[in-house]
């Protein structure tokens, strides 16, 4: 039988890879935004407290306002209620 080697990463290497996740996610989100606009789709996004619809032609319009968020403290327990039995 052939023996297999296991490649194990050090904790430092794993941490370095994990540190890249936010930048990768931001890049993927921006790429999806650009692809949607290039396909002629309307893209909704938040600017400040407004929900804005952007079109491929560069036009933008405010379609709503974001509700105030909930301020939380680290370690605080938040109870979430189920809205439907399907979820």
C-alpha atoms as a PDB file:
ATOM      1  CA  UNK A   1       0.000   0.000   0.000  1.00  0.00           C
ATOM      2  CA  UNK A   2       1.088   3.532  -0.679  1.00  0.00           C
ATOM      3  CA  UNK A   3       1.666   5.693   2.335  1.00  0.00           C
ATOM      4  CA  UNK A   4       0.020   9.084   2.525  1.00  0.00           C
ATOM      5  CA  UNK A   5       1.553  12.167   4.037  1.00  0.00           C
ATOM      6  CA  UNK A   6      -0.601  14.552   5.968  1.00  0.00           C
ATOM      7  CA  UNK A   7       0.169  18.203   5.491  1.00  0.00           C
ATOM      8  CA  UNK A   8      -0.376  19.939   8.767  1.00  0.00           C
ATOM      9  CA  UNK A   9      -0.300  23.685   9.105  1.00  0.00           C
ATOM     10  CA  UNK A  10       1.145  25.460  12.071  1.00  0.00           C
ATOM     11  CA  UNK A  11      -1.095  27.592  14.256  1.00  0.00           C
ATOM     12  CA  UNK A  12       0.610  30.676  12.818  1.00  0.00           C
ATOM     13  CA  UNK A  13      -0.081  29.569   9.235  1.00  0.00           C
ATOM     14  CA  UNK A  14      -3.728  28.888  10.068  1.00  0.00           C
ATOM     15  CA  UNK A  15      -4.037  32.306  11.740  1.00  0.00           C
ATOM     16  CA  UNK A  16      -2.500  33.988   8.674  1.00  0.00           C
ATOM     17  CA  UNK A  17      -5.022  32.254   6.411  1.00  0.00           C
ATOM     18  CA  UNK A  18      -7.922  33.150   8.706  1.00  0.00           C
ATOM     19  CA  UNK A  19      -6.793  36.782   8.741  1.00  0.00           C
ATOM     20  CA  UNK A  20      -7.340  36.873   4.966  1.00  0.00           C
ATOM     21  CA  UNK A  21     -11.021  35.898   5.192  1.00  0.00           C
ATOM     22  CA  UNK A  22     -12.457  39.426   5.634  1.00  0.00           C
ATOM     23  CA  UNK A  23     -10.525  40.743   2.613  1.00  0.00           C
ATOM     24  CA  UNK A  24     -11.583  37.762   0.491  1.00  0.00           C
ATOM     25  CA  UNK A  25     -15.215  38.215   1.528  1.00  0.00           C
ATOM     26  CA  UNK A  26     -15.113  41.932   0.735  1.00  0.00           C
ATOM     27  CA  UNK A  27     -13.601  41.233  -2.681  1.00  0.00           C
ATOM     28  CA  UNK A  28     -16.205  38.570  -3.466  1.00  0.00           C
ATOM     29  CA  UNK A  29     -19.045  40.868  -2.377  1.00  0.00           C
ATOM     30  CA  UNK A  30     -17.774  43.710  -4.565  1.00  0.00           C
ATOM     31  CA  UNK A  31     -17.319  41.344  -7.533  1.00  0.00           C
ATOM     32  CA  UNK A  32     -20.919  40.112  -7.130  1.00  0.00           C
ATOM     33  CA  UNK A  33     -22.132  43.736  -6.985  1.00  0.00           C
ATOM     34  CA  UNK A  34     -20.273  44.616 -10.208  1.00  0.00           C
ATOM     35  CA  UNK A  35     -21.454  41.429 -11.981  1.00  0.00           C
ATOM     36  CA  UNK A  36     -25.075  42.136 -11.045  1.00  0.00           C
ATOM     37  CA  UNK A  37     -24.859  45.686 -12.382  1.00  0.00           C
ATOM     38  CA  UNK A  38     -23.133  44.449 -15.558  1.00  0.00           C
ATOM     39  CA  UNK A  39     -26.014  42.005 -16.073  1.00  0.00           C
ATOM     40  CA  UNK A  40     -28.477  44.902 -15.935  1.00  0.00           C
ATOM     41  CA  UNK A  41     -29.853  44.055 -12.508  1.00  0.00           C
ATOM     42  CA  UNK A  42     -30.826  46.526  -9.812  1.00  0.00           C
ATOM     43  CA  UNK A  43     -28.688  46.220  -6.698  1.00  0.00           C
ATOM     44  CA  UNK A  44     -29.892  47.250  -3.245  1.00  0.00           C
ATOM     45  CA  UNK A  45     -27.349  48.348  -0.666  1.00  0.00           C
ATOM     46  CA  UNK A  46     -27.194  50.442   2.466  1.00  0.00           C
ATOM     47  CA  UNK A  47     -25.633  53.900   2.548  1.00  0.00           C
ATOM     48  CA  UNK A  48     -25.722  55.424   5.993  1.00  0.00           C
ATOM     49  CA  UNK A  49     -29.335  54.962   7.103  1.00  0.00           C
ATOM     50  CA  UNK A  50     -30.792  54.690   3.578  1.00  0.00           C
ATOM     51  CA  UNK A  51     -31.522  51.671   1.395  1.00  0.00           C
ATOM     52  CA  UNK A  52     -30.386  52.668  -2.087  1.00  0.00           C
ATOM     53  CA  UNK A  53     -31.213  51.017  -5.445  1.00  0.00           C
ATOM     54  CA  UNK A  54     -28.346  51.314  -7.945  1.00  0.00           C
ATOM     55  CA  UNK A  55     -28.773  50.731 -11.680  1.00  0.00           C
ATOM     56  CA  UNK A  56     -26.186  49.782 -14.295  1.00  0.00           C
ATOM     57  CA  UNK A  57     -26.519  53.243 -15.898  1.00  0.00           C
ATOM     58  CA  UNK A  58     -25.262  54.837 -12.679  1.00  0.00           C
ATOM     59  CA  UNK A  59     -28.625  56.118 -11.467  1.00  0.00           C
ATOM     60  CA  UNK A  60     -29.444  55.671  -7.801  1.00  0.00           C
ATOM     61  CA  UNK A  61     -32.583  56.216  -5.758  1.00  0.00           C
ATOM     62  CA  UNK A  62     -33.438  55.890  -2.101  1.00  0.00           C
ATOM     63  CA  UNK A  63     -36.087  53.218  -1.605  1.00  0.00           C
ATOM     64  CA  UNK A  64     -36.266  53.091   2.177  1.00  0.00           C
ATOM     65  CA  UNK A  65     -34.658  53.716   5.514  1.00  0.00           C
ATOM     66  CA  UNK A  66     -32.841  51.230   7.711  1.00  0.00           C
ATOM     67  CA  UNK A  67     -34.367  50.653  11.133  1.00  0.00           C
ATOM     68  CA  UNK A  68     -32.198  51.395  14.126  1.00  0.00           C
ATOM     69  CA  UNK A  69     -30.021  48.456  15.101  1.00  0.00           C
ATOM     70  CA  UNK A  70     -29.785  46.833  18.487  1.00  0.00           C
ATOM     71  CA  UNK A  71     -26.809  47.766  20.602  1.00  0.00           C
ATOM     72  CA  UNK A  72     -25.287  44.780  22.334  1.00  0.00           C
ATOM     73  CA  UNK A  73     -22.549  44.230  24.848  1.00  0.00           C
ATOM     74  CA  UNK A  74     -20.067  41.388  24.513  1.00  0.00           C
ATOM     75  CA  UNK A  75     -21.412  38.365  26.352  1.00  0.00           C
ATOM     76  CA  UNK A  76     -25.002  39.645  26.421  1.00  0.00           C
ATOM     77  CA  UNK A  77     -27.628  36.953  25.792  1.00  0.00           C
ATOM     78  CA  UNK A  78     -30.264  37.832  23.196  1.00  0.00           C
ATOM     79  CA  UNK A  79     -33.492  35.849  22.921  1.00  0.00           C
ATOM     80  CA  UNK A  80     -34.726  35.388  19.352  1.00  0.00           C
ATOM     81  CA  UNK A  81     -38.306  34.436  18.725  1.00  0.00           C
ATOM     82  CA  UNK A  82     -39.312  32.264  15.800  1.00  0.00           C
ATOM     83  CA  UNK A  83     -41.528  34.044  13.286  1.00  0.00           C
ATOM     84  CA  UNK A  84     -42.882  30.956  11.545  1.00  0.00           C
ATOM     85  CA  UNK A  85     -42.963  27.223  12.092  1.00  0.00           C
ATOM     86  CA  UNK A  86     -41.246  26.672   8.688  1.00  0.00           C
ATOM     87  CA  UNK A  87     -37.929  28.153   9.779  1.00  0.00           C
END
